[in-house]
Protein backbone atom coordinates (compact mmCIF):
# COMPACT_ATOMS: atom_id res chain seq x y z
CA UNK A 1 -95.82 143.66 99.78
CA UNK A 2 -92.60 141.05 99.25
CA UNK A 3 -93.91 139.78 95.99
CA UNK A 4 -94.06 142.65 94.29
CA UNK A 5 -91.13 143.88 95.06
CA UNK A 6 -89.80 141.05 93.67
CA UNK A 7 -91.64 141.90 90.18
CA UNK A 8 -90.53 144.91 90.29
CA UNK A 9 -87.35 144.21 90.32
CA UNK A 10 -87.64 141.73 87.97
CA UNK A 11 -89.11 144.23 85.16
CA UNK A 12 -86.43 146.78 86.07
CA UNK A 13 -83.77 144.26 85.57
CA UNK A 14 -85.92 143.52 82.16
CA UNK A 15 -85.99 146.79 80.74
CA UNK A 16 -82.66 148.85 82.64
CA UNK A 17 -79.34 147.48 80.77
CA UNK A 18 -77.07 149.66 82.78
CA UNK A 19 -79.28 148.81 86.31
CA UNK A 20 -78.80 145.13 85.05
CA UNK A 21 -75.02 145.51 85.05
CA UNK A 22 -74.89 147.46 88.23
CA UNK A 23 -76.24 144.66 90.42
CA UNK A 24 -74.15 142.06 88.46
CA UNK A 25 -71.57 143.95 89.44
CA UNK A 26 -72.30 144.65 92.81
CA UNK A 27 -73.19 140.29 92.83
CA UNK A 28 -69.54 140.10 91.30
CA UNK A 29 -68.31 142.59 94.87
CA UNK A 30 -70.45 140.66 97.31
CA UNK A 31 -68.92 137.53 96.17
CA UNK A 32 -65.33 138.56 96.42
CA UNK A 33 -65.60 140.11 99.50
CA UNK A 34 -66.92 136.64 100.75
CA UNK A 35 -63.58 135.14 99.09
CA UNK A 36 -61.14 137.75 100.71
CA UNK A 37 -62.84 136.42 103.88
CA UNK A 38 -62.56 133.41 103.61
CA UNK A 39 -59.30 133.86 102.31
CA UNK A 40 -58.21 135.88 105.24
CA UNK A 41 -59.46 133.31 107.46
CA UNK A 42 -57.43 130.82 105.69
CA UNK A 43 -54.20 132.75 105.90
CA UNK A 44 -55.02 133.62 109.95
CA UNK A 45 -55.01 129.36 110.08
CA UNK A 46 -52.03 129.27 108.24
CA UNK A 47 -50.20 131.70 110.38
CA UNK A 48 -51.39 129.63 113.30
CA UNK A 49 -50.47 126.51 111.97
CA UNK A 50 -46.81 128.22 111.16
CA UNK A 51 -46.77 129.74 114.12
CA UNK A 52 -46.89 126.34 116.41
CA UNK A 53 -44.59 125.04 113.78
CA UNK A 54 -41.55 127.74 114.73
CA UNK A 55 -42.12 126.71 118.08
CA UNK A 56 -42.29 122.99 117.13
CA UNK A 57 -38.80 123.89 115.66
CA UNK A 58 -37.03 125.95 118.29
CA UNK A 59 -38.40 122.84 120.82
CA UNK A 60 -36.54 120.74 118.47
CA UNK A 61 -33.26 122.71 118.28
CA UNK A 62 -32.92 122.74 121.87
CA UNK A 63 -33.69 119.19 122.43
CA UNK A 64 -30.84 118.64 119.29
CA UNK A 65 -28.88 120.85 121.38
CA UNK A 66 -29.62 119.26 124.72
CA UNK A 67 -28.24 116.12 122.53
CA UNK A 68 -25.05 117.82 121.66
CA UNK A 69 -24.44 118.38 124.70
CA UNK A 70 -24.89 114.96 126.31
CA UNK A 71 -22.76 113.40 123.50
CA UNK A 72 -20.14 115.51 124.09
CA UNK A 73 -20.06 114.65 127.80
CA UNK A 74 -20.53 111.37 126.92
CA UNK A 75 -17.24 111.59 124.85
CA UNK A 76 -15.77 113.27 127.74
CA UNK A 77 -16.56 109.99 130.14
CA UNK A 78 -15.71 107.78 127.43
CA UNK A 79 -12.70 109.63 126.89
CA UNK A 80 -11.86 109.71 130.94
CA UNK A 81 -12.90 105.84 131.28
CA UNK A 82 -10.28 104.79 128.15
CA UNK A 83 -7.44 106.65 130.47
CA UNK A 84 -8.87 104.44 133.47
CA UNK A 85 -8.89 101.40 131.60
CA UNK A 86 -5.41 102.04 129.89
CA UNK A 87 -3.96 103.00 133.91
CA UNK A 88 -5.71 99.94 134.91
CA UNK A 89 -3.67 97.99 131.92
CA UNK A 90 -0.33 99.47 132.94
CA UNK A 91 -1.25 98.74 136.55
CA UNK A 92 -2.19 95.00 135.32
CA UNK A 93 0.72 94.82 133.75
CA UNK A 94 3.01 96.23 136.62
CA UNK A 95 1.28 93.44 139.20
CA UNK A 96 2.06 90.28 136.56
CA UNK A 97 5.40 91.28 136.57
CA UNK A 98 5.95 91.36 140.14
CA UNK A 99 3.80 88.28 140.61
CA UNK A 100 6.56 86.77 138.20
CA UNK A 101 9.44 87.88 140.31
CA UNK A 102 7.81 86.75 143.16
CA UNK A 103 6.85 83.33 141.92
CA UNK A 104 10.59 83.06 140.95
CA UNK A 105 11.74 84.32 144.25
CA UNK A 106 9.17 81.75 145.95
CA UNK A 107 10.75 78.82 143.67
CA UNK A 108 14.15 79.94 144.89
CA UNK A 109 12.85 79.89 148.42
CA UNK A 110 11.45 76.78 148.09
CA UNK A 111 14.28 75.13 146.38
CA UNK A 112 16.86 76.82 149.37
CA UNK A 113 14.44 75.45 151.60
CA UNK A 114 14.64 71.75 149.99
CA UNK A 115 18.43 72.27 150.14
CA UNK A 116 18.51 73.09 153.99
CA UNK A 117 15.85 70.19 154.81
CA UNK A 118 18.00 68.07 153.33
CA UNK A 119 20.63 68.56 155.42
CA UNK A 120 19.16 68.72 158.47
CA UNK A 121 17.50 65.51 157.92
CA UNK A 122 20.88 64.03 157.36
CA UNK A 123 21.97 65.44 160.51
CA UNK A 124 19.17 64.36 162.67
CA UNK A 125 19.46 60.91 160.75
CA UNK A 126 23.08 60.53 161.84
CA UNK A 127 22.46 61.75 165.32
CA UNK A 128 19.50 58.89 165.08
CA UNK A 129 22.25 56.53 164.24
CA UNK A 130 24.17 57.15 167.52
CA UNK A 131 21.18 57.87 169.59
CA UNK A 132 18.39 54.78 168.90
CA UNK A 133 20.86 51.36 169.47
CA UNK A 134 21.39 52.83 173.35
CA UNK A 135 17.84 53.84 173.90
CA UNK A 136 16.39 50.96 172.01
CA UNK A 137 18.50 48.68 174.21
CA UNK A 138 17.22 50.51 177.62
CA UNK A 139 13.70 51.35 176.99
CA UNK A 140 12.52 47.90 174.74
CA UNK A 141 15.15 45.86 175.41
CA UNK A 142 16.13 45.53 171.57
CA UNK A 143 19.88 44.59 170.97
CA UNK A 144 20.88 46.24 167.58
CA UNK A 145 24.64 46.96 166.22
CA UNK A 146 23.88 50.05 164.00
CA UNK A 147 20.95 51.17 162.07
CA UNK A 148 21.53 52.17 158.27
CA UNK A 149 19.62 53.80 154.72
CA UNK A 150 18.20 50.84 152.90
CA UNK A 151 15.91 50.60 149.95
CA UNK A 152 13.45 47.77 149.75
CA UNK A 153 11.39 47.01 146.76
CA UNK A 154 7.36 45.62 146.98
CA UNK A 155 5.40 44.89 144.68
CA UNK A 156 7.53 46.78 142.05
CA UNK A 157 7.76 49.71 144.22
CA UNK A 158 11.00 50.66 146.15
CA UNK A 159 10.27 51.80 149.02
CA UNK A 160 12.89 53.98 150.86
CA UNK A 161 14.01 53.21 154.59
CA UNK A 162 16.46 55.81 156.59
CA UNK A 163 16.35 53.61 159.59
CA UNK A 164 16.73 50.19 159.06
CA UNK A 165 18.52 47.31 161.31
CA UNK A 166 18.17 43.72 162.49
CA UNK A 167 18.42 43.03 165.67
CA UNK A 168 16.98 40.75 168.71
CA UNK A 169 14.54 40.90 171.33
CA UNK A 170 13.80 38.22 173.78
CA UNK A 171 16.17 35.49 171.81
CA UNK A 172 13.76 36.36 168.91
CA UNK A 173 14.73 38.77 165.63
CA UNK A 174 12.58 42.05 164.92
CA UNK A 175 13.58 44.52 162.28
CA UNK A 176 13.77 48.23 163.01
CA UNK A 177 11.94 50.09 160.74
CA UNK A 178 12.13 54.20 161.50
CA UNK A 179 12.25 57.45 159.85
CA UNK A 180 13.80 60.59 161.09
CA UNK A 181 11.86 64.37 160.59
CA UNK A 182 12.99 67.00 162.35
CA UNK A 183 9.15 67.98 163.61
CA UNK A 184 6.88 65.44 163.91
CA UNK A 185 3.09 66.15 163.05
CA UNK A 186 -0.04 63.72 162.87
CA UNK A 187 0.26 63.31 159.17
CA UNK A 188 4.31 62.16 159.14
CA UNK A 189 3.07 59.49 161.32
CA UNK A 190 0.41 58.50 158.85
CA UNK A 191 2.69 58.77 155.81
CA UNK A 192 5.53 56.65 157.50
CA UNK A 193 3.00 54.01 158.76
CA UNK A 194 1.53 53.38 155.48
CA UNK A 195 4.80 53.08 153.61
CA UNK A 196 5.86 50.89 156.73
CA UNK A 197 2.89 48.51 156.41
CA UNK A 198 3.95 47.93 152.59
CA UNK A 199 7.49 46.53 153.71
CA UNK A 200 6.25 44.50 156.48
CA UNK A 201 4.47 42.51 153.49
CA UNK A 202 7.98 40.84 152.73
CA UNK A 203 9.98 41.26 156.06
CA UNK A 204 9.52 37.37 157.91
CA UNK A 205 10.10 38.83 161.20
CA UNK A 206 8.66 40.75 163.96
CA UNK A 207 8.69 44.79 163.24
CA UNK A 208 9.42 47.60 165.17
CA UNK A 209 8.36 50.85 164.08
CA UNK A 210 9.56 54.68 164.92
CA UNK A 211 9.71 57.63 164.08
CA UNK A 212 12.48 59.76 165.65
CA UNK A 213 12.46 63.84 165.89
CA UNK A 214 13.42 66.82 168.03
CA UNK A 215 10.00 68.07 168.40
CA UNK A 216 6.42 66.17 168.44
CA UNK A 217 3.26 67.24 168.28
CA UNK A 218 0.57 65.75 170.86
CA UNK A 219 -2.06 64.79 168.33
CA UNK A 220 0.92 62.88 166.42
CA UNK A 221 1.80 61.11 169.78
CA UNK A 222 -2.29 59.71 169.91
CA UNK A 223 -2.02 58.78 166.29
CA UNK A 224 1.37 57.24 166.82
CA UNK A 225 0.05 54.73 169.37
CA UNK A 226 -2.76 53.98 167.63
CA UNK A 227 -1.41 52.68 165.30
CA UNK A 228 1.12 50.67 167.29
CA UNK A 229 4.14 53.05 166.30
CA UNK A 230 6.82 54.64 168.62
CA UNK A 231 8.05 58.45 168.39
CA UNK A 232 11.35 59.61 170.04
CA UNK A 233 12.75 62.66 170.48
CA UNK A 234 16.14 63.66 170.04
CA UNK A 235 16.50 64.62 173.82
CA UNK A 236 14.78 61.22 174.95
CA UNK A 237 17.66 59.43 177.12
């Protein structure tokens, strides 16, 4: 049946020109319809892509906006930080200025203390020169007329002795080597004894070592005992 219909359709196409044009037109419309359908499908897909692109652009704009806001906040923080650094620099400058003044004041105070120490030292030295001869006679059996300040050269080094005297003990010559310190500490004993040990090398007689002061620390007493050095306070009689 189908084969016969095909033969009849072909014969009709061969014989009837108007029919042929009608079929051709129909087939063209069908192709156009298919093309339109594809075009509609493509358009739909394009619109879908455009929609996604618009969404992406919207998200990108939002991200750019957030970035701009963050940038503004960063600039604000940097500005505040610059102000803080500026204030810190000003405070540092003021601190350095105060420190400089403090150093100047400290040096001035040290100079004045040095002067005061010299004054007290010389005053104490004068007291020692009066007190010590009698004390040495009563307690050590040493007879010495006077104590003076002197300088002795040892191996090219000049050593100052505040209290120097030449006396006699049990009929034998003895040399007094002493120093006055307002407050006598353990280190004072060590330092003085080290200086005296140098001087002893150039003295042919027996040496009597002493430190004279207003106040004596207990550790200084122990150190002096170990070194064979006498500590005498101004209040001792």
